[in-house]
Amino acid sequence: MSDTIIRCRWVPLAERLPDDSEWVLLAWDGTVPTDTRGLCVGGTHFEVCYRENGRWLIAANTPAQFVNTYAPTHWMKLPPNPTGTRPDIICTRS
């Protein structure tokens, strides 16, 4: 079995935007809106979204109003989907 290392880095939005329709993890600091699906850790908010026609979306034709309002600062590509690898821990039911 071989291990694959996936290297991820935060990209500042001021440096570069993700491609249209590419799902990414967004991050920004500040107030966490109440209508979010994301997570807040240590004052930084995280949300999975994609960008299309200049606006952030959380699903097809569903604008991410909270993201568009609070302006994220960084984004990161999502890792690839798992592909049939065995789990490290196997749980059984007795």
N, C-alpha and C. Protein backbone atom coordinates (compact mmCIF):
# COMPACT_ATOMS: atom_id res chain seq x y z
N MET A 1 0.84 -1.17 0.00
CA MET A 1 0.00 0.00 0.00
C MET A 1 0.90 1.24 0.00
N SER A 2 0.55 2.21 -0.81
CA SER A 2 1.34 3.44 -0.84
C SER A 2 0.50 4.59 -0.31
N ASP A 3 1.15 5.52 0.34
CA ASP A 3 0.47 6.70 0.86
C ASP A 3 0.66 7.84 -0.13
N THR A 4 -0.36 8.64 -0.29
CA THR A 4 -0.29 9.80 -1.15
C THR A 4 -0.33 11.04 -0.28
N ILE A 5 0.58 11.95 -0.53
CA ILE A 5 0.61 13.21 0.21
C ILE A 5 -0.08 14.27 -0.64
N ILE A 6 -1.08 14.92 -0.05
CA ILE A 6 -1.79 15.99 -0.74
C ILE A 6 -1.36 17.30 -0.09
N ARG A 7 -0.80 18.16 -0.86
CA ARG A 7 -0.35 19.45 -0.34
C ARG A 7 -1.40 20.51 -0.65
N CYS A 8 -1.84 21.19 0.39
CA CYS A 8 -2.84 22.24 0.25
C CYS A 8 -2.26 23.53 0.79
N ARG A 9 -2.65 24.63 0.20
CA ARG A 9 -2.21 25.90 0.74
C ARG A 9 -3.34 26.91 0.59
N TRP A 10 -3.38 27.83 1.54
CA TRP A 10 -4.37 28.90 1.49
C TRP A 10 -3.92 29.91 0.45
N VAL A 11 -4.83 30.29 -0.42
CA VAL A 11 -4.54 31.27 -1.47
C VAL A 11 -5.31 32.55 -1.12
N PRO A 12 -4.63 33.68 -0.96
CA PRO A 12 -5.34 34.93 -0.69
C PRO A 12 -6.20 35.31 -1.91
N LEU A 13 -7.43 35.74 -1.67
CA LEU A 13 -8.28 36.16 -2.78
C LEU A 13 -7.68 37.34 -3.52
N ALA A 14 -6.89 38.15 -2.83
CA ALA A 14 -6.22 39.28 -3.48
C ALA A 14 -5.18 38.80 -4.49
N GLU A 15 -4.67 37.58 -4.29
CA GLU A 15 -3.66 37.01 -5.18
C GLU A 15 -4.29 36.36 -6.41
N ARG A 16 -5.35 35.57 -6.17
CA ARG A 16 -5.97 34.83 -7.27
C ARG A 16 -7.32 34.29 -6.84
N LEU A 17 -8.28 34.27 -7.76
CA LEU A 17 -9.60 33.68 -7.51
C LEU A 17 -9.61 32.25 -8.02
N PRO A 18 -10.42 31.38 -7.42
CA PRO A 18 -10.54 30.03 -7.97
C PRO A 18 -11.26 30.08 -9.32
N ASP A 19 -11.13 29.01 -10.08
CA ASP A 19 -11.84 28.92 -11.35
C ASP A 19 -13.34 28.89 -11.09
N ASP A 20 -14.13 29.38 -12.05
CA ASP A 20 -15.58 29.29 -11.93
C ASP A 20 -15.99 27.83 -11.78
N SER A 21 -16.98 27.58 -10.97
CA SER A 21 -17.58 26.26 -10.72
C SER A 21 -16.65 25.29 -9.98
N GLU A 22 -15.53 25.77 -9.46
CA GLU A 22 -14.62 24.92 -8.69
C GLU A 22 -14.98 25.03 -7.21
N TRP A 23 -15.34 23.90 -6.58
CA TRP A 23 -15.66 23.89 -5.16
C TRP A 23 -14.38 24.10 -4.36
N VAL A 24 -14.43 25.04 -3.41
CA VAL A 24 -13.27 25.36 -2.59
C VAL A 24 -13.71 25.58 -1.15
N LEU A 25 -12.74 25.57 -0.25
CA LEU A 25 -12.97 25.92 1.15
C LEU A 25 -12.58 27.39 1.31
N LEU A 26 -13.52 28.22 1.75
CA LEU A 26 -13.26 29.65 1.96
C LEU A 26 -13.02 29.93 3.42
N ALA A 27 -12.26 30.97 3.70
CA ALA A 27 -12.00 31.38 5.09
C ALA A 27 -12.08 32.89 5.20
N TRP A 28 -12.61 33.37 6.33
CA TRP A 28 -12.59 34.78 6.64
C TRP A 28 -12.74 34.97 8.13
N ASP A 29 -12.28 36.09 8.63
CA ASP A 29 -12.38 36.41 10.05
C ASP A 29 -13.55 37.34 10.27
N GLY A 30 -14.06 37.32 11.47
CA GLY A 30 -15.13 38.25 11.80
C GLY A 30 -16.39 37.56 12.27
N THR A 31 -17.46 38.30 12.26
CA THR A 31 -18.75 37.82 12.74
C THR A 31 -19.23 36.65 11.90
N VAL A 32 -19.74 35.65 12.57
CA VAL A 32 -20.28 34.49 11.87
C VAL A 32 -21.77 34.71 11.68
N PRO A 33 -22.25 34.73 10.46
CA PRO A 33 -23.68 34.91 10.23
C PRO A 33 -24.47 33.69 10.70
N THR A 34 -25.73 33.88 10.97
CA THR A 34 -26.55 32.79 11.50
C THR A 34 -27.04 31.84 10.41
N ASP A 35 -27.08 32.25 9.16
CA ASP A 35 -27.63 31.39 8.10
C ASP A 35 -26.54 30.63 7.35
N THR A 36 -25.48 30.28 8.04
CA THR A 36 -24.36 29.60 7.41
C THR A 36 -24.45 28.09 7.59
N ARG A 37 -23.78 27.37 6.71
CA ARG A 37 -23.66 25.92 6.84
C ARG A 37 -22.25 25.56 7.30
N GLY A 38 -21.39 26.55 7.40
CA GLY A 38 -19.98 26.32 7.69
C GLY A 38 -19.66 26.17 9.16
N LEU A 39 -18.42 26.44 9.47
CA LEU A 39 -17.88 26.20 10.81
C LEU A 39 -16.99 27.37 11.20
N CYS A 40 -17.03 27.74 12.48
CA CYS A 40 -16.16 28.79 12.99
C CYS A 40 -15.20 28.17 14.00
N VAL A 41 -13.90 28.39 13.79
CA VAL A 41 -12.88 27.87 14.68
C VAL A 41 -11.91 29.00 15.01
N GLY A 42 -11.79 29.32 16.29
CA GLY A 42 -10.84 30.34 16.72
C GLY A 42 -11.02 31.69 16.06
N GLY A 43 -12.25 32.08 15.77
CA GLY A 43 -12.50 33.39 15.17
C GLY A 43 -12.42 33.41 13.65
N THR A 44 -12.08 32.28 13.04
CA THR A 44 -12.04 32.19 11.57
C THR A 44 -13.21 31.32 11.13
N HIS A 45 -13.93 31.80 10.13
CA HIS A 45 -15.09 31.08 9.62
C HIS A 45 -14.69 30.35 8.34
N PHE A 46 -15.20 29.10 8.18
CA PHE A 46 -14.91 28.28 7.01
C PHE A 46 -16.21 27.88 6.34
N GLU A 47 -16.22 27.90 5.02
CA GLU A 47 -17.41 27.56 4.25
C GLU A 47 -17.00 26.92 2.93
N VAL A 48 -17.70 25.86 2.53
CA VAL A 48 -17.44 25.24 1.23
C VAL A 48 -18.41 25.85 0.23
N CYS A 49 -17.86 26.47 -0.82
CA CYS A 49 -18.66 27.16 -1.82
C CYS A 49 -17.99 27.04 -3.19
N TYR A 50 -18.66 27.56 -4.19
CA TYR A 50 -18.02 27.73 -5.49
C TYR A 50 -18.42 29.09 -6.05
N ARG A 51 -17.65 29.56 -7.00
CA ARG A 51 -17.85 30.89 -7.56
C ARG A 51 -18.35 30.76 -8.98
N GLU A 52 -19.37 31.56 -9.31
CA GLU A 52 -19.90 31.55 -10.66
C GLU A 52 -20.45 32.93 -10.99
N ASN A 53 -20.05 33.46 -12.12
CA ASN A 53 -20.51 34.78 -12.57
C ASN A 53 -20.34 35.86 -11.51
N GLY A 54 -19.20 35.82 -10.82
CA GLY A 54 -18.87 36.88 -9.87
C GLY A 54 -19.50 36.77 -8.50
N ARG A 55 -20.19 35.67 -8.20
CA ARG A 55 -20.77 35.52 -6.87
C ARG A 55 -20.53 34.12 -6.35
N TRP A 56 -20.53 34.00 -5.02
CA TRP A 56 -20.32 32.71 -4.35
C TRP A 56 -21.64 32.00 -4.19
N LEU A 57 -21.65 30.69 -4.43
CA LEU A 57 -22.85 29.86 -4.30
C LEU A 57 -22.55 28.68 -3.40
N ILE A 58 -23.57 28.21 -2.67
CA ILE A 58 -23.41 27.02 -1.83
C ILE A 58 -24.04 25.80 -2.46
N ALA A 59 -24.86 26.00 -3.48
CA ALA A 59 -25.47 24.93 -4.26
C ALA A 59 -25.98 25.57 -5.55
N ALA A 60 -26.41 24.77 -6.48
CA ALA A 60 -26.88 25.31 -7.76
C ALA A 60 -27.94 26.38 -7.53
N ASN A 61 -27.69 27.55 -8.07
CA ASN A 61 -28.63 28.69 -7.98
C ASN A 61 -28.98 29.10 -6.56
N THR A 62 -28.12 28.79 -5.59
CA THR A 62 -28.35 29.19 -4.21
C THR A 62 -27.21 30.10 -3.77
N PRO A 63 -27.42 31.41 -3.86
CA PRO A 63 -26.34 32.34 -3.47
C PRO A 63 -25.94 32.17 -2.02
N ALA A 64 -24.67 32.24 -1.76
CA ALA A 64 -24.14 32.20 -0.39
C ALA A 64 -24.12 33.64 0.12
N GLN A 65 -25.30 34.14 0.49
CA GLN A 65 -25.44 35.54 0.87
C GLN A 65 -24.47 35.94 1.98
N PHE A 66 -24.30 35.05 2.96
CA PHE A 66 -23.41 35.36 4.08
C PHE A 66 -21.98 35.51 3.61
N VAL A 67 -21.56 34.70 2.63
CA VAL A 67 -20.20 34.81 2.10
C VAL A 67 -20.06 36.09 1.29
N ASN A 68 -21.04 36.37 0.45
CA ASN A 68 -20.99 37.58 -0.36
C ASN A 68 -21.01 38.83 0.52
N THR A 69 -21.66 38.76 1.67
CA THR A 69 -21.74 39.89 2.59
C THR A 69 -20.45 40.08 3.38
N TYR A 70 -19.86 38.97 3.87
CA TYR A 70 -18.71 39.07 4.76
C TYR A 70 -17.35 38.98 4.07
N ALA A 71 -17.31 38.82 2.76
CA ALA A 71 -16.10 38.85 1.96
C ALA A 71 -14.96 37.97 2.49
N PRO A 72 -14.88 36.74 2.01
CA PRO A 72 -13.78 35.87 2.44
C PRO A 72 -12.43 36.43 2.03
N THR A 73 -11.40 35.99 2.72
CA THR A 73 -10.06 36.49 2.46
C THR A 73 -9.16 35.46 1.79
N HIS A 74 -9.43 34.16 2.03
CA HIS A 74 -8.57 33.09 1.52
C HIS A 74 -9.42 31.92 1.03
N TRP A 75 -8.85 31.11 0.17
CA TRP A 75 -9.50 29.89 -0.29
C TRP A 75 -8.48 28.78 -0.46
N MET A 76 -8.97 27.54 -0.46
CA MET A 76 -8.11 26.37 -0.61
C MET A 76 -8.87 25.33 -1.44
N LYS A 77 -8.15 24.66 -2.33
CA LYS A 77 -8.77 23.58 -3.10
C LYS A 77 -9.17 22.46 -2.16
N LEU A 78 -10.25 21.77 -2.50
CA LEU A 78 -10.67 20.61 -1.73
C LEU A 78 -9.85 19.40 -2.17
N PRO A 79 -9.61 18.47 -1.28
CA PRO A 79 -8.88 17.26 -1.67
C PRO A 79 -9.75 16.43 -2.61
N PRO A 80 -9.14 15.52 -3.36
CA PRO A 80 -9.95 14.66 -4.24
C PRO A 80 -10.83 13.72 -3.42
N ASN A 81 -11.89 13.25 -4.05
CA ASN A 81 -12.80 12.30 -3.38
C ASN A 81 -12.05 10.99 -3.09
N PRO A 82 -12.44 10.28 -2.05
CA PRO A 82 -11.81 9.00 -1.77
C PRO A 82 -12.15 8.00 -2.87
N THR A 83 -11.22 7.09 -3.13
CA THR A 83 -11.44 6.13 -4.21
C THR A 83 -11.14 4.71 -3.75
N GLY A 84 -12.07 4.10 -3.10
CA GLY A 84 -12.00 2.69 -2.75
C GLY A 84 -10.86 2.26 -1.85
N THR A 85 -10.32 3.16 -1.06
CA THR A 85 -9.25 2.76 -0.15
C THR A 85 -9.86 2.12 1.08
N ARG A 86 -9.15 1.18 1.65
CA ARG A 86 -9.61 0.54 2.87
C ARG A 86 -9.44 1.49 4.05
N PRO A 87 -10.33 1.43 5.02
CA PRO A 87 -10.18 2.29 6.20
C PRO A 87 -9.00 1.86 7.06
N ASP A 88 -8.47 2.79 7.81
CA ASP A 88 -7.37 2.48 8.72
C ASP A 88 -7.86 1.67 9.91
N ILE A 89 -9.12 1.87 10.31
CA ILE A 89 -9.72 1.16 11.43
C ILE A 89 -10.98 0.48 10.92
N ILE A 90 -11.12 -0.76 11.24
CA ILE A 90 -12.31 -1.50 10.81
C ILE A 90 -13.18 -1.72 12.03
N CYS A 91 -14.42 -1.27 11.95
CA CYS A 91 -15.37 -1.42 13.05
C CYS A 91 -16.33 -2.56 12.69
N THR A 92 -16.63 -3.39 13.66
CA THR A 92 -17.58 -4.46 13.43
C THR A 92 -18.69 -4.38 14.47
N ARG A 93 -19.83 -4.86 14.10
CA ARG A 93 -20.97 -4.88 15.00
C ARG A 93 -21.07 -6.26 15.62
N SER A 94 -21.26 -6.35 16.92
CA SER A 94 -21.35 -7.66 17.54
C SER A 94 -22.79 -8.07 17.77
